[in-house]
Amino acid sequence: MVLSKIIPLGFLSVGIFLLVQIILPVISFQIWLIGQKYSNNLMISPSSPKRGQILGVSVQNQQTFPAFVSATSRETPVNFNEFSLTIPKLKINQAPVLVDSNDLSKGLVHLPGSALPGEKGNIFISGHSALNKLFSLKSVPFANLTNLKKGDQILVEALGVKFKYEVFEIKVVDPSDLSVIAPSDPQGRYISLMTCVPPGLNYKRLVVLGKMI
């Protein structure tokens, strides 16, 4: 009799625990969103011109995940396959970023055709987020991207050369908004980090923008 009561109670406890793991990140994101709006740190972009189409970029489903896919090829081949990304605030240390890759299943990827480290333009990097990193089956270095604020540093290293960027803007955009690929101005050197929000869900995209300093 006792066992027949303990087993259902155990299943109920596990179910509640798993439900909390899903709900809490979503609630935390909504609280973060409200706080960012009130502090004027966030720009909500409902529907911008799709300038990214000029670069041969489209939004395609990859295993039910709408992702930016670029068919752009370079006139001059890149002589390195990856570069490293360091974000001290998030304790990300020299995370590898695959150059000119559309395959998000491999980790952080650099959008084909976007600027390379040190170049004029916009280095565009995408990565997955997760409801809970403990239960994720994939690498999720951008799971805490919402913790970044204006003034935080983003460091990039390629072929032994280091570049430093500073966060100056944070956006939440629709998954189909390709305008975030374009740099803020054609002569500047920028970096953009993009992931899904709320964490692990596909409703919106969080884009953190940095400028070389």
C-alpha atoms as a PDB file:
ATOM      1  CA  MET A   1       0.000   0.000   0.000  1.00  0.00           C
ATOM      2  CA  VAL A   2       2.782   2.394   0.942  1.00  0.00           C
ATOM      3  CA  LEU A   3       4.697   1.618  -2.270  1.00  0.00           C
ATOM      4  CA  SER A   4       1.594   2.229  -4.385  1.00  0.00           C
ATOM      5  CA  LYS A   5       1.408   5.733  -2.924  1.00  0.00           C
ATOM      6  CA  ILE A   6       5.124   6.516  -3.145  1.00  0.00           C
ATOM      7  CA  ILE A   7       5.499   5.667  -6.845  1.00  0.00           C
ATOM      8  CA  PRO A   8       2.759   8.085  -8.113  1.00  0.00           C
ATOM      9  CA  LEU A   9       4.098  10.749  -5.744  1.00  0.00           C
ATOM     10  CA  GLY A  10       7.575  10.222  -7.180  1.00  0.00           C
ATOM     11  CA  PHE A  11       6.338  10.604 -10.761  1.00  0.00           C
ATOM     12  CA  LEU A  12       4.400  13.721  -9.761  1.00  0.00           C
ATOM     13  CA  SER A  13       7.503  15.232  -8.157  1.00  0.00           C
ATOM     14  CA  VAL A  14       9.612  14.537 -11.250  1.00  0.00           C
ATOM     15  CA  GLY A  15       6.908  16.024 -13.473  1.00  0.00           C
ATOM     16  CA  ILE A  16       6.716  19.183 -11.376  1.00  0.00           C
ATOM     17  CA  PHE A  17      10.521  19.479 -11.381  1.00  0.00           C
ATOM     18  CA  LEU A  18      10.718  19.184 -15.178  1.00  0.00           C
ATOM     19  CA  LEU A  19       7.854  21.657 -15.621  1.00  0.00           C
ATOM     20  CA  VAL A  20       9.636  24.187 -13.408  1.00  0.00           C
ATOM     21  CA  GLN A  21      12.819  23.774 -15.476  1.00  0.00           C
ATOM     22  CA  ILE A  22      10.832  24.782 -18.573  1.00  0.00           C
ATOM     23  CA  ILE A  23       8.738  27.567 -17.067  1.00  0.00           C
ATOM     24  CA  LEU A  24      11.408  29.375 -15.029  1.00  0.00           C
ATOM     25  CA  PRO A  25      13.670  30.305 -17.986  1.00  0.00           C
ATOM     26  CA  VAL A  26      10.662  31.682 -19.880  1.00  0.00           C
ATOM     27  CA  ILE A  27       9.513  33.722 -16.870  1.00  0.00           C
ATOM     28  CA  SER A  28      13.082  34.950 -16.275  1.00  0.00           C
ATOM     29  CA  PHE A  29      13.311  36.091 -19.891  1.00  0.00           C
ATOM     30  CA  GLN A  30      10.039  37.999 -19.677  1.00  0.00           C
ATOM     31  CA  ILE A  31      11.246  39.752 -16.505  1.00  0.00           C
ATOM     32  CA  TRP A  32      14.537  40.569 -18.262  1.00  0.00           C
ATOM     33  CA  LEU A  33      12.624  41.907 -21.267  1.00  0.00           C
ATOM     34  CA  ILE A  34      10.524  44.237 -19.104  1.00  0.00           C
ATOM     35  CA  GLY A  35      13.607  45.462 -17.262  1.00  0.00           C
ATOM     36  CA  GLN A  36      15.460  46.180 -20.497  1.00  0.00           C
ATOM     37  CA  LYS A  37      12.516  48.144 -21.882  1.00  0.00           C
ATOM     38  CA  TYR A  38      12.246  50.319 -18.792  1.00  0.00           C
ATOM     39  CA  SER A  39      15.984  51.001 -18.758  1.00  0.00           C
ATOM     40  CA  ASN A  40      15.949  51.765 -22.509  1.00  0.00           C
ATOM     41  CA  ASN A  41      18.669  49.166 -23.143  1.00  0.00           C
ATOM     42  CA  LEU A  42      16.617  47.197 -25.649  1.00  0.00           C
ATOM     43  CA  MET A  43      15.357  47.941 -29.126  1.00  0.00           C
ATOM     44  CA  ILE A  44      12.388  45.904 -30.321  1.00  0.00           C
ATOM     45  CA  SER A  45      12.442  45.541 -34.090  1.00  0.00           C
ATOM     46  CA  PRO A  46       9.046  44.343 -35.386  1.00  0.00           C
ATOM     47  CA  SER A  47       9.685  44.154 -39.105  1.00  0.00           C
ATOM     48  CA  SER A  48      12.696  45.622 -40.854  1.00  0.00           C
ATOM     49  CA  PRO A  49      13.648  45.667 -44.539  1.00  0.00           C
ATOM     50  CA  LYS A  50      15.266  42.371 -45.469  1.00  0.00           C
ATOM     51  CA  ARG A  51      18.581  43.807 -46.591  1.00  0.00           C
ATOM     52  CA  GLY A  52      20.243  40.477 -45.883  1.00  0.00           C
ATOM     53  CA  GLN A  53      18.752  39.126 -49.110  1.00  0.00           C
ATOM     54  CA  ILE A  54      21.380  41.145 -50.987  1.00  0.00           C
ATOM     55  CA  LEU A  55      24.012  38.894 -49.399  1.00  0.00           C
ATOM     56  CA  GLY A  56      22.315  35.743 -50.670  1.00  0.00           C
ATOM     57  CA  VAL A  57      20.901  34.930 -47.236  1.00  0.00           C
ATOM     58  CA  SER A  58      17.546  33.279 -46.624  1.00  0.00           C
ATOM     59  CA  VAL A  59      15.675  31.815 -43.651  1.00  0.00           C
ATOM     60  CA  GLN A  60      15.423  28.039 -43.887  1.00  0.00           C
ATOM     61  CA  ASN A  61      14.180  25.355 -41.532  1.00  0.00           C
ATOM     62  CA  GLN A  62      16.905  23.139 -40.095  1.00  0.00           C
ATOM     63  CA  GLN A  63      15.251  20.352 -38.111  1.00  0.00           C
ATOM     64  CA  THR A  64      12.182  22.581 -37.444  1.00  0.00           C
ATOM     65  CA  PHE A  65      14.518  25.452 -36.481  1.00  0.00           C
ATOM     66  CA  PRO A  66      14.314  28.571 -38.719  1.00  0.00           C
ATOM     67  CA  ALA A  67      17.933  29.576 -39.328  1.00  0.00           C
ATOM     68  CA  PHE A  68      19.808  32.085 -41.456  1.00  0.00           C
ATOM     69  CA  VAL A  69      21.421  30.262 -44.365  1.00  0.00           C
ATOM     70  CA  SER A  70      23.890  31.977 -46.678  1.00  0.00           C
ATOM     71  CA  ALA A  71      24.837  30.838 -50.158  1.00  0.00           C
ATOM     72  CA  THR A  72      27.454  33.586 -50.485  1.00  0.00           C
ATOM     73  CA  SER A  73      30.934  32.521 -51.560  1.00  0.00           C
ATOM     74  CA  ARG A  74      34.114  34.556 -51.205  1.00  0.00           C
ATOM     75  CA  GLU A  75      36.277  35.717 -54.080  1.00  0.00           C
ATOM     76  CA  THR A  76      39.338  35.053 -51.927  1.00  0.00           C
ATOM     77  CA  PRO A  77      39.214  31.842 -49.849  1.00  0.00           C
ATOM     78  CA  VAL A  78      39.716  32.175 -46.092  1.00  0.00           C
ATOM     79  CA  ASN A  79      43.014  30.676 -44.873  1.00  0.00           C
ATOM     80  CA  PHE A  80      41.608  29.555 -41.506  1.00  0.00           C
ATOM     81  CA  ASN A  81      38.670  27.298 -40.625  1.00  0.00           C
ATOM     82  CA  GLU A  82      37.783  28.810 -37.271  1.00  0.00           C
ATOM     83  CA  PHE A  83      38.498  31.671 -34.905  1.00  0.00           C
ATOM     84  CA  SER A  84      37.934  31.983 -31.151  1.00  0.00           C
ATOM     85  CA  LEU A  85      35.370  33.997 -29.218  1.00  0.00           C
ATOM     86  CA  THR A  86      35.874  35.149 -25.633  1.00  0.00           C
ATOM     87  CA  ILE A  87      33.215  36.923 -23.558  1.00  0.00           C
ATOM     88  CA  PRO A  88      34.563  37.567 -20.039  1.00  0.00           C
ATOM     89  CA  LYS A  89      31.144  38.546 -18.632  1.00  0.00           C
ATOM     90  CA  LEU A  90      29.700  35.147 -19.601  1.00  0.00           C
ATOM     91  CA  LYS A  91      32.871  33.182 -18.764  1.00  0.00           C
ATOM     92  CA  ILE A  92      33.153  32.078 -22.371  1.00  0.00           C
ATOM     93  CA  ASN A  93      36.853  31.515 -23.022  1.00  0.00           C
ATOM     94  CA  GLN A  94      38.138  31.003 -26.574  1.00  0.00           C
ATOM     95  CA  ALA A  95      35.048  29.187 -27.814  1.00  0.00           C
ATOM     96  CA  PRO A  96      35.647  27.989 -31.399  1.00  0.00           C
ATOM     97  CA  VAL A  97      33.593  29.631 -34.152  1.00  0.00           C
ATOM     98  CA  LEU A  98      33.377  27.822 -37.480  1.00  0.00           C
ATOM     99  CA  VAL A  99      34.097  30.138 -40.417  1.00  0.00           C
ATOM    100  CA  ASP A 100      31.553  30.371 -43.238  1.00  0.00           C
ATOM    101  CA  SER A 101      29.267  27.677 -41.834  1.00  0.00           C
ATOM    102  CA  ASN A 102      25.490  27.226 -41.858  1.00  0.00           C
ATOM    103  CA  ASP A 103      25.548  24.178 -39.562  1.00  0.00           C
ATOM    104  CA  LEU A 104      24.400  25.287 -36.095  1.00  0.00           C
ATOM    105  CA  SER A 105      24.515  21.711 -34.838  1.00  0.00           C
ATOM    106  CA  LYS A 106      28.318  22.049 -34.647  1.00  0.00           C
ATOM    107  CA  GLY A 107      28.244  24.943 -32.179  1.00  0.00           C
ATOM    108  CA  LEU A 108      28.949  28.620 -32.870  1.00  0.00           C
ATOM    109  CA  VAL A 109      28.960  29.460 -36.566  1.00  0.00           C
ATOM    110  CA  HIS A 110      30.063  32.478 -38.576  1.00  0.00           C
ATOM    111  CA  LEU A 111      27.593  33.375 -41.332  1.00  0.00           C
ATOM    112  CA  PRO A 112      29.123  32.799 -44.785  1.00  0.00           C
ATOM    113  CA  GLY A 113      29.871  36.109 -46.492  1.00  0.00           C
ATOM    114  CA  SER A 114      29.787  38.232 -43.340  1.00  0.00           C
ATOM    115  CA  ALA A 115      32.904  40.122 -42.241  1.00  0.00           C
ATOM    116  CA  LEU A 116      35.907  38.264 -40.854  1.00  0.00           C
ATOM    117  CA  PRO A 117      37.692  39.335 -37.637  1.00  0.00           C
ATOM    118  CA  GLY A 118      39.228  42.783 -38.077  1.00  0.00           C
ATOM    119  CA  GLU A 119      37.477  43.519 -41.377  1.00  0.00           C
ATOM    120  CA  LYS A 120      35.069  46.344 -42.073  1.00  0.00           C
ATOM    121  CA  GLY A 121      31.504  45.160 -41.867  1.00  0.00           C
ATOM    122  CA  ASN A 122      29.689  42.878 -39.440  1.00  0.00           C
ATOM    123  CA  ILE A 123      31.007  39.572 -38.065  1.00  0.00           C
ATOM    124  CA  PHE A 124      27.765  37.632 -37.691  1.00  0.00           C
ATOM    125  CA  ILE A 125      27.850  34.710 -35.244  1.00  0.00           C
ATOM    126  CA  SER A 126      24.910  32.457 -34.357  1.00  0.00           C
ATOM    127  CA  GLY A 127      24.544  29.886 -31.588  1.00  0.00           C
ATOM    128  CA  HIS A 128      21.844  27.878 -29.885  1.00  0.00           C
ATOM    129  CA  SER A 129      20.346  28.653 -26.508  1.00  0.00           C
ATOM    130  CA  ALA A 130      18.614  26.162 -24.200  1.00  0.00           C
ATOM    131  CA  LEU A 131      15.826  26.057 -21.622  1.00  0.00           C
ATOM    132  CA  ASN A 132      18.287  24.449 -19.246  1.00  0.00           C
ATOM    133  CA  LYS A 133      21.941  23.738 -20.032  1.00  0.00           C
ATOM    134  CA  LEU A 134      21.906  20.692 -17.741  1.00  0.00           C
ATOM    135  CA  PHE A 135      19.399  18.924 -19.983  1.00  0.00           C
ATOM    136  CA  SER A 136      20.722  20.113 -23.324  1.00  0.00           C
ATOM    137  CA  LEU A 137      22.180  17.603 -25.763  1.00  0.00           C
ATOM    138  CA  LYS A 138      24.103  20.249 -27.688  1.00  0.00           C
ATOM    139  CA  SER A 139      26.662  22.931 -26.949  1.00  0.00           C
ATOM    140  CA  VAL A 140      24.900  26.112 -25.834  1.00  0.00           C
ATOM    141  CA  PRO A 141      27.523  28.823 -25.180  1.00  0.00           C
ATOM    142  CA  PHE A 142      24.934  31.527 -25.945  1.00  0.00           C
ATOM    143  CA  ALA A 143      22.449  30.284 -23.321  1.00  0.00           C
ATOM    144  CA  ASN A 144      23.240  33.291 -21.087  1.00  0.00           C
ATOM    145  CA  LEU A 145      23.523  35.928 -23.806  1.00  0.00           C
ATOM    146  CA  THR A 146      20.786  37.967 -22.088  1.00  0.00           C
ATOM    147  CA  ASN A 147      23.267  38.701 -19.278  1.00  0.00           C
ATOM    148  CA  LEU A 148      25.289  41.004 -21.531  1.00  0.00           C
ATOM    149  CA  LYS A 149      24.889  44.761 -21.174  1.00  0.00           C
ATOM    150  CA  LYS A 150      26.126  47.869 -22.934  1.00  0.00           C
ATOM    151  CA  GLY A 151      29.831  48.327 -22.315  1.00  0.00           C
ATOM    152  CA  ASP A 152      30.641  44.618 -21.916  1.00  0.00           C
ATOM    153  CA  GLN A 153      33.557  43.346 -23.979  1.00  0.00           C
ATOM    154  CA  ILE A 154      33.646  40.741 -26.739  1.00  0.00           C
ATOM    155  CA  LEU A 155      37.061  39.420 -27.761  1.00  0.00           C
ATOM    156  CA  VAL A 156      37.903  37.669 -31.009  1.00  0.00           C
ATOM    157  CA  GLU A 157      41.170  36.007 -31.998  1.00  0.00           C
ATOM    158  CA  ALA A 158      42.136  34.786 -35.478  1.00  0.00           C
ATOM    159  CA  LEU A 159      45.587  33.573 -36.560  1.00  0.00           C
ATOM    160  CA  GLY A 160      47.081  34.899 -33.330  1.00  0.00           C
ATOM    161  CA  VAL A 161      45.686  38.414 -33.815  1.00  0.00           C
ATOM    162  CA  LYS A 162      43.265  39.716 -31.169  1.00  0.00           C
ATOM    163  CA  PHE A 163      40.391  42.128 -31.715  1.00  0.00           C
ATOM    164  CA  LYS A 164      38.286  43.819 -29.041  1.00  0.00           C
ATOM    165  CA  TYR A 165      34.650  44.877 -29.389  1.00  0.00           C
ATOM    166  CA  GLU A 166      32.304  46.632 -26.975  1.00  0.00           C
ATOM    167  CA  VAL A 167      28.562  45.979 -26.707  1.00  0.00           C
ATOM    168  CA  PHE A 168      26.593  49.074 -27.698  1.00  0.00           C
ATOM    169  CA  GLU A 169      23.138  47.758 -28.571  1.00  0.00           C
ATOM    170  CA  ILE A 170      20.817  44.834 -27.855  1.00  0.00           C
ATOM    171  CA  LYS A 171      17.901  43.895 -30.111  1.00  0.00           C
ATOM    172  CA  VAL A 172      15.000  41.455 -30.058  1.00  0.00           C
ATOM    173  CA  VAL A 173      13.801  40.730 -33.588  1.00  0.00           C
ATOM    174  CA  ASP A 174      11.611  38.344 -35.531  1.00  0.00           C
ATOM    175  CA  PRO A 175      13.293  35.111 -36.745  1.00  0.00           C
ATOM    176  CA  SER A 176      12.848  36.273 -40.351  1.00  0.00           C
ATOM    177  CA  ASP A 177      14.446  39.705 -39.859  1.00  0.00           C
ATOM    178  CA  LEU A 178      17.534  39.556 -42.076  1.00  0.00           C
ATOM    179  CA  SER A 179      18.322  43.251 -41.682  1.00  0.00           C
ATOM    180  CA  VAL A 180      20.418  42.498 -38.579  1.00  0.00           C
ATOM    181  CA  ILE A 181      23.120  41.048 -40.842  1.00  0.00           C
ATOM    182  CA  ALA A 182      24.049  44.428 -42.288  1.00  0.00           C
ATOM    183  CA  PRO A 183      26.585  46.587 -40.367  1.00  0.00           C
ATOM    184  CA  SER A 184      25.421  49.808 -38.722  1.00  0.00           C
ATOM    185  CA  ASP A 185      27.606  51.712 -41.167  1.00  0.00           C
ATOM    186  CA  PRO A 186      29.700  50.356 -44.092  1.00  0.00           C
ATOM    187  CA  GLN A 187      32.968  51.824 -42.808  1.00  0.00           C
ATOM    188  CA  GLY A 188      32.720  50.492 -39.254  1.00  0.00           C
ATOM    189  CA  ARG A 189      33.888  47.201 -37.770  1.00  0.00           C
ATOM    190  CA  TYR A 190      31.136  45.381 -35.906  1.00  0.00           C
ATOM    191  CA  ILE A 191      30.216  42.035 -34.411  1.00  0.00           C
ATOM    192  CA  SER A 192      26.746  40.538 -33.891  1.00  0.00           C
ATOM    193  CA  LEU A 193      25.891  37.584 -31.657  1.00  0.00           C
ATOM    194  CA  MET A 194      22.494  35.981 -32.251  1.00  0.00           C
ATOM    195  CA  THR A 195      20.530  33.322 -30.385  1.00  0.00           C
ATOM    196  CA  CYS A 196      16.930  32.262 -29.738  1.00  0.00           C
ATOM    197  CA  VAL A 197      14.727  33.780 -27.034  1.00  0.00           C
ATOM    198  CA  PRO A 198      13.062  32.847 -24.781  1.00  0.00           C
ATOM    199  CA  PRO A 199      15.951  30.431 -24.139  1.00  0.00           C
ATOM    200  CA  GLY A 200      15.507  27.211 -26.075  1.00  0.00           C
ATOM    201  CA  LEU A 201      12.404  28.448 -27.922  1.00  0.00           C
ATOM    202  CA  ASN A 202      12.086  29.862 -31.437  1.00  0.00           C
ATOM    203  CA  TYR A 203       9.725  32.798 -30.933  1.00  0.00           C
ATOM    204  CA  LYS A 204      12.241  35.626 -31.286  1.00  0.00           C
ATOM    205  CA  ARG A 205      15.935  36.295 -31.817  1.00  0.00           C
ATOM    206  CA  LEU A 206      18.217  38.181 -29.451  1.00  0.00           C
ATOM    207  CA  VAL A 207      21.002  40.070 -31.233  1.00  0.00           C
ATOM    208  CA  VAL A 208      23.869  41.618 -29.275  1.00  0.00           C
ATOM    209  CA  LEU A 209      25.843  44.181 -31.272  1.00  0.00           C
ATOM    210  CA  GLY A 210      29.396  45.229 -30.575  1.00  0.00           C
ATOM    211  CA  LYS A 211      31.765  47.754 -32.175  1.00  0.00           C
ATOM    212  CA  MET A 212      35.541  47.469 -32.386  1.00  0.00           C
ATOM    213  CA  ILE A 213      37.411  49.607 -29.875  1.00  0.00           C
END
